[in-house]
Amino acid sequence: MPELPEVETVRRGLEPWLKGARIDKVTLNRADLRFPIPQGLAAALEGQRVTHVGRRAKYLLMTMSNGKILLSHLGMTGSWRFAEHGIDKPPRYYEPGTEPKHDHMIWQLSHPEHGESHLIYADPRRFGFIDLYDDLAASPYLEGLGPEPLGNDFSAAGMAAAFRGKKAPIKAALLDQRIVAGLGNIYVAEALHRAHILPDIEARSLVRADGAPKAALDALAGAIREVLIAAIEVGGSTIRDFRSVEGAGYFQHNFAVYDREGDPCPTPLCTGIVRRIVQSGRSTFYCPVCQKAP
């Protein structure tokens, strides 16, 4: 599943071409994806201008001039692409033009600067979904989400409050979208390595008796920001279905531990070898030498 950097990469790629465009026509080639496409979607979008292209956690949010907000989750193979041109930021897509049977929705657009184009949503495995809202407060997908890790509300103190008394492993705690929004398996592993924290320690062990964050939790907050920013700068990670117009996202070449079982740890002077364990049915990669308990 795409994580925050991949979805933010898509948002940045779409925004210059989509913001300000009028949706002249919406063509739906099927009635459902992972879930049914909302009734009346085409009628609600046609004739409207896209006023904002945003993101919350792992969801794309497109706001229309009539106040409607389209929510898009890409699932495993979902993508947005323009038929007529590439995009100057690498977005997620599935081999554009090669499998038109997977093009499930097409928007005919008119942009004041870029002219006419067609924006296509494709999804070979149809694990993605689309919803439409008058008010995002009504969305069950966004309800209860934690702070954005790149936003001002995210801090070590906030994580300390959430982790106090929490016996769950720190990796599982970071994957809880109610604590931090948008993190997934890849970037949690990378952030824990940067902060030199073992993935299986209890989350509460990073909190002092008075409720303040330990130094390791301060380091983790910084590591989370750093790894996300670094991934966004290079267009996310190419893992299985993730691709970009220029060829790929490139952060996978910078992975320190994720999917690197048996490789030497890249931390300077560390002699460790990356290990893999399974936590809650998912692979966890870490260095047993430089990652420690606080």
Protein backbone atom coordinates (compact mmCIF):
# COMPACT_ATOMS: atom_id res chain seq x y z
CA MET A 1 0.00 0.00 0.00
CA PRO A 2 1.30 3.51 -0.71
CA GLU A 3 2.43 5.40 2.35
CA LEU A 4 2.49 9.14 3.01
CA PRO A 5 5.47 9.97 0.73
CA GLU A 6 3.96 8.18 -2.26
CA VAL A 7 0.56 9.87 -1.84
CA GLU A 8 2.18 13.27 -1.31
CA THR A 9 4.21 12.70 -4.46
CA VAL A 10 1.00 12.06 -6.39
CA ARG A 11 -0.59 15.18 -4.92
CA ARG A 12 2.34 17.36 -5.90
CA GLY A 13 2.37 15.90 -9.38
CA LEU A 14 -1.34 16.48 -9.96
CA GLU A 15 -1.72 19.90 -8.38
CA PRO A 16 -0.19 22.19 -11.05
CA TRP A 17 -2.27 20.59 -13.82
CA LEU A 18 -5.47 19.94 -11.90
CA LYS A 19 -5.97 22.96 -9.64
CA GLY A 20 -8.12 25.49 -11.49
CA ALA A 21 -9.25 23.01 -14.14
CA ARG A 22 -12.94 22.66 -14.99
CA ILE A 23 -14.33 19.14 -15.15
CA ASP A 24 -16.35 19.15 -18.38
CA LYS A 25 -17.28 15.46 -18.41
CA VAL A 26 -16.89 12.41 -16.19
CA THR A 27 -16.93 8.95 -17.77
CA LEU A 28 -17.34 5.95 -15.48
CA ASN A 29 -16.40 2.61 -17.02
CA ARG A 30 -17.56 0.55 -14.06
CA ALA A 31 -19.82 0.99 -11.06
CA ASP A 32 -17.39 -0.13 -8.38
CA LEU A 33 -13.79 -0.37 -7.29
CA ARG A 34 -13.08 -1.82 -3.85
CA PHE A 35 -16.43 -0.30 -2.90
CA PRO A 36 -19.27 1.02 -5.09
CA ILE A 37 -18.58 4.39 -6.70
CA PRO A 38 -20.91 6.95 -5.07
CA GLN A 39 -24.24 7.45 -6.79
CA GLY A 40 -24.42 10.77 -8.63
CA LEU A 41 -20.62 11.22 -8.71
CA ALA A 42 -20.49 12.34 -12.34
CA ALA A 43 -23.33 14.84 -11.94
CA ALA A 44 -21.74 16.27 -8.79
CA LEU A 45 -18.39 16.87 -10.51
CA GLU A 46 -19.31 17.95 -14.04
CA GLY A 47 -19.13 21.69 -14.56
CA GLN A 48 -17.09 22.24 -11.38
CA ARG A 49 -13.58 23.57 -11.01
CA VAL A 50 -10.97 21.90 -8.85
CA THR A 51 -10.07 24.48 -6.22
CA HIS A 52 -7.65 22.47 -4.09
CA VAL A 53 -5.64 19.24 -4.31
CA GLY A 54 -4.80 18.06 -0.80
CA ARG A 55 -3.83 15.04 1.25
CA ARG A 56 -4.70 13.69 4.68
CA ALA A 57 -2.65 10.71 5.84
CA LYS A 58 -2.74 8.25 2.89
CA TYR A 59 -5.78 9.83 1.19
CA LEU A 60 -5.89 12.27 -1.74
CA LEU A 61 -8.50 15.02 -1.34
CA MET A 62 -9.79 17.07 -4.30
CA THR A 63 -12.04 20.02 -3.45
CA MET A 64 -14.53 21.30 -6.03
CA SER A 65 -15.98 24.78 -6.52
CA ASN A 66 -19.38 23.56 -5.29
CA GLY A 67 -17.83 22.45 -2.01
CA LYS A 68 -17.83 18.73 -2.78
CA ILE A 69 -14.67 16.89 -1.76
CA LEU A 70 -13.54 13.74 -3.56
CA LEU A 71 -11.52 11.31 -1.43
CA SER A 72 -9.26 8.84 -3.24
CA HIS A 73 -7.34 5.92 -1.77
CA LEU A 74 -4.97 4.26 -4.23
CA GLY A 75 -4.96 0.79 -2.71
CA MET A 76 -2.20 -1.38 -4.16
CA THR A 77 -2.34 -0.47 -7.86
CA GLY A 78 -4.50 2.65 -8.13
CA SER A 79 -3.16 5.60 -10.13
CA TRP A 80 -4.02 9.00 -11.55
CA ARG A 81 -2.46 10.06 -14.85
CA PHE A 82 -3.03 12.54 -17.67
CA ALA A 83 -3.53 11.03 -21.11
CA GLU A 84 -1.91 13.89 -23.03
CA HIS A 85 1.22 14.64 -21.05
CA GLY A 86 3.53 13.53 -18.32
CA ILE A 87 3.83 15.30 -15.01
CA ASP A 88 6.87 17.20 -13.76
CA LYS A 89 6.69 15.41 -10.41
CA PRO A 90 6.75 11.61 -10.44
CA PRO A 91 3.23 10.34 -9.66
CA ARG A 92 1.96 6.86 -9.07
CA TYR A 93 0.61 5.22 -12.20
CA TYR A 94 0.18 1.81 -13.77
CA GLU A 95 1.91 1.67 -17.16
CA PRO A 96 -0.12 4.46 -18.82
CA GLY A 97 -1.73 3.58 -22.13
CA THR A 98 -0.83 -0.10 -22.07
CA GLU A 99 -3.90 -1.50 -20.33
CA PRO A 100 -6.95 0.67 -21.10
CA LYS A 101 -9.25 -2.00 -19.66
CA HIS A 102 -8.05 -0.83 -16.24
CA ASP A 103 -9.06 2.81 -16.86
CA HIS A 104 -12.14 2.99 -14.66
CA MET A 105 -12.82 6.74 -14.59
CA ILE A 106 -11.91 9.55 -17.00
CA TRP A 107 -12.28 13.29 -16.45
CA GLN A 108 -12.36 15.58 -19.47
CA LEU A 109 -10.72 18.81 -18.27
CA SER A 110 -10.31 22.42 -19.40
CA HIS A 111 -7.52 24.35 -17.69
CA PRO A 112 -7.04 28.13 -18.09
CA GLU A 113 -3.28 27.68 -18.63
CA HIS A 114 -2.83 24.13 -19.88
CA GLY A 115 -5.90 23.75 -22.07
CA GLU A 116 -7.80 20.51 -22.54
CA SER A 117 -6.70 17.18 -21.13
CA HIS A 118 -8.03 13.91 -19.74
CA LEU A 119 -7.31 12.72 -16.22
CA ILE A 120 -7.61 8.96 -15.82
CA TYR A 121 -8.01 6.84 -12.73
CA ALA A 122 -6.76 3.29 -13.35
CA ASP A 123 -6.61 0.38 -10.92
CA PRO A 124 -5.83 -3.16 -12.17
CA ARG A 125 -6.58 -4.92 -8.87
CA ARG A 126 -9.32 -2.49 -7.80
CA PHE A 127 -8.23 -2.30 -4.16
CA GLY A 128 -8.45 1.48 -4.28
CA PHE A 129 -11.67 3.38 -3.68
CA ILE A 130 -13.31 6.77 -4.20
CA ASP A 131 -15.82 8.61 -2.04
CA LEU A 132 -17.52 12.01 -2.15
CA TYR A 133 -18.40 14.33 0.72
CA ASP A 134 -20.02 17.66 1.47
CA ASP A 135 -18.08 17.73 4.75
CA LEU A 136 -14.96 15.68 5.50
CA ALA A 137 -16.13 15.36 9.10
CA ALA A 138 -18.58 12.77 7.73
CA SER A 139 -15.80 10.54 6.40
CA PRO A 140 -15.21 7.41 8.50
CA TYR A 141 -11.77 7.08 6.89
CA LEU A 142 -10.53 10.38 8.35
CA GLU A 143 -12.24 10.10 11.71
CA GLY A 144 -9.84 9.82 14.62
CA LEU A 145 -6.65 10.17 12.60
CA GLY A 146 -3.61 11.38 14.49
CA PRO A 147 -1.45 14.37 13.58
CA GLU A 148 0.35 14.65 10.27
CA PRO A 149 4.01 13.78 10.94
CA LEU A 150 5.15 16.72 8.81
CA GLY A 151 2.74 19.14 10.47
CA ASN A 152 3.11 21.47 13.44
CA ASP A 153 0.92 19.27 15.66
CA PHE A 154 3.34 16.36 15.55
CA SER A 155 5.89 16.18 18.37
CA ALA A 156 7.73 13.86 20.72
CA ALA A 157 5.57 15.21 23.56
CA GLY A 158 2.42 14.22 21.68
CA MET A 159 3.75 10.73 21.08
CA ALA A 160 4.74 10.47 24.73
CA ALA A 161 1.18 11.22 25.76
CA ALA A 162 -0.09 8.50 23.42
CA PHE A 163 2.56 5.96 24.44
CA ARG A 164 2.28 6.40 28.21
CA GLY A 165 1.31 3.01 29.66
CA LYS A 166 1.18 1.44 26.19
CA LYS A 167 2.66 -2.08 26.16
CA ALA A 168 2.43 -2.56 22.38
CA PRO A 169 5.73 -2.76 20.48
CA ILE A 170 6.89 0.64 19.26
CA LYS A 171 6.54 -0.46 15.63
CA ALA A 172 2.88 -1.39 16.12
CA ALA A 173 2.25 1.87 17.98
CA LEU A 174 3.67 3.92 15.10
CA LEU A 175 1.49 2.04 12.61
CA ASP A 176 -1.60 3.04 14.61
CA GLN A 177 -3.11 5.81 12.46
CA ARG A 178 -4.74 7.31 15.57
CA ILE A 179 -1.27 8.14 16.91
CA VAL A 180 0.52 9.24 13.74
CA ALA A 181 -1.28 9.59 10.40
CA GLY A 182 0.18 8.22 7.19
CA LEU A 183 3.01 6.01 8.40
CA GLY A 184 3.35 2.47 7.05
CA ASN A 185 5.67 -0.50 7.33
CA ILE A 186 8.50 0.86 5.18
CA TYR A 187 9.02 4.25 6.75
CA VAL A 188 8.47 3.07 10.32
CA ALA A 189 11.32 0.60 9.87
CA GLU A 190 13.55 3.28 8.38
CA ALA A 191 12.72 5.84 11.08
CA LEU A 192 13.38 3.38 13.91
CA HIS A 193 16.74 2.59 12.38
CA ARG A 194 17.67 6.26 12.06
CA ALA A 195 16.73 6.79 15.70
CA HIS A 196 18.61 3.59 16.72
CA ILE A 197 15.55 2.10 18.46
CA LEU A 198 14.66 -1.59 18.45
CA PRO A 199 11.26 -2.26 16.83
CA ASP A 200 10.01 -4.67 19.48
CA ILE A 201 10.47 -2.61 22.65
CA GLU A 202 7.30 -1.48 24.43
CA ALA A 203 6.13 1.97 23.38
CA ARG A 204 5.83 3.02 27.01
CA SER A 205 9.57 2.48 27.50
CA LEU A 206 10.20 5.67 25.52
CA VAL A 207 8.33 7.76 28.10
CA ARG A 208 9.75 9.02 31.39
CA ALA A 209 7.94 8.50 34.67
CA ASP A 210 6.75 12.12 34.61
CA GLY A 211 5.21 11.63 31.14
CA ALA A 212 7.88 13.52 29.23
CA PRO A 213 9.56 11.93 26.19
CA LYS A 214 12.92 10.28 26.67
CA ALA A 215 15.79 11.43 24.47
CA ALA A 216 15.21 8.41 22.23
CA LEU A 217 11.64 9.53 21.54
CA ASP A 218 12.85 13.02 20.67
CA ALA A 219 15.27 11.38 18.24
CA LEU A 220 12.47 9.25 16.80
CA ALA A 221 10.25 12.27 16.13
CA GLY A 222 13.09 13.87 14.20
CA ALA A 223 13.87 10.65 12.35
CA ILE A 224 10.26 10.26 11.22
CA ARG A 225 10.28 13.76 9.72
CA GLU A 226 13.68 13.25 8.11
CA VAL A 227 12.86 9.95 6.43
CA LEU A 228 9.53 11.22 5.08
CA ILE A 229 11.04 14.41 3.69
CA ALA A 230 13.89 12.46 2.09
CA ALA A 231 11.42 10.03 0.46
CA ILE A 232 9.20 12.81 -0.89
CA GLU A 233 12.19 14.60 -2.39
CA VAL A 234 12.99 11.58 -4.57
CA GLY A 235 9.41 10.67 -5.45
CA GLY A 236 8.67 7.90 -2.97
CA SER A 237 9.65 4.25 -3.25
CA THR A 238 9.28 1.83 -6.12
CA ILE A 239 7.96 -1.32 -4.45
CA ARG A 240 6.08 -3.65 -6.80
CA ASP A 241 3.35 -1.48 -8.32
CA PHE A 242 4.70 2.00 -7.61
CA ARG A 243 6.01 3.74 -10.75
CA SER A 244 6.61 7.29 -11.93
CA VAL A 245 6.41 9.06 -15.28
CA GLU A 246 10.19 9.44 -15.24
CA GLY A 247 10.53 5.72 -14.56
CA ALA A 248 10.23 5.24 -10.82
CA GLY A 249 10.35 6.65 -7.35
CA TYR A 250 13.87 6.23 -6.03
CA PHE A 251 13.86 6.13 -2.22
CA GLN A 252 14.14 2.33 -2.22
CA HIS A 253 17.78 2.85 -3.24
CA ASN A 254 18.25 4.69 0.06
CA PHE A 255 16.70 2.05 2.31
CA ALA A 256 18.93 1.40 5.29
CA VAL A 257 17.17 -1.72 6.54
CA TYR A 258 13.83 -2.30 4.81
CA ASP A 259 13.99 -5.44 2.61
CA ARG A 260 17.75 -5.67 3.26
CA GLU A 261 17.93 -8.82 5.35
CA GLY A 262 21.48 -10.13 5.48
CA ASP A 263 23.09 -6.87 4.33
CA PRO A 264 25.60 -4.98 6.47
CA CYS A 265 24.09 -2.15 8.49
CA PRO A 266 24.94 1.17 6.77
CA THR A 267 25.42 3.05 10.06
CA PRO A 268 29.05 4.23 10.17
CA LEU A 269 31.28 1.96 12.27
CA CYS A 270 28.40 -0.44 12.97
CA THR A 271 29.23 -4.11 12.51
CA GLY A 272 25.64 -5.34 12.52
CA ILE A 273 23.84 -7.37 9.87
CA VAL A 274 20.24 -6.46 9.04
CA ARG A 275 17.74 -8.97 10.42
CA ARG A 276 14.12 -9.70 9.60
CA ILE A 277 11.44 -10.65 12.11
CA VAL A 278 7.67 -10.90 11.77
CA GLN A 279 5.43 -8.66 13.87
CA SER A 280 1.64 -8.92 13.56
CA GLY A 281 2.08 -10.83 10.31
CA ARG A 282 4.32 -8.19 8.69
CA SER A 283 8.05 -8.16 8.07
CA THR A 284 10.21 -5.94 10.25
CA PHE A 285 13.80 -5.16 9.32
CA TYR A 286 16.32 -3.79 11.81
CA CYS A 287 19.94 -3.83 12.95
CA PRO A 288 20.44 -5.78 16.20
CA VAL A 289 23.68 -3.91 16.97
CA CYS A 290 23.02 -0.17 16.61
CA GLN A 291 19.28 -0.31 17.37
CA LYS A 292 18.80 -0.57 21.13
CA ALA A 293 16.32 -0.28 23.96
CA PRO A 294 16.25 3.21 25.52
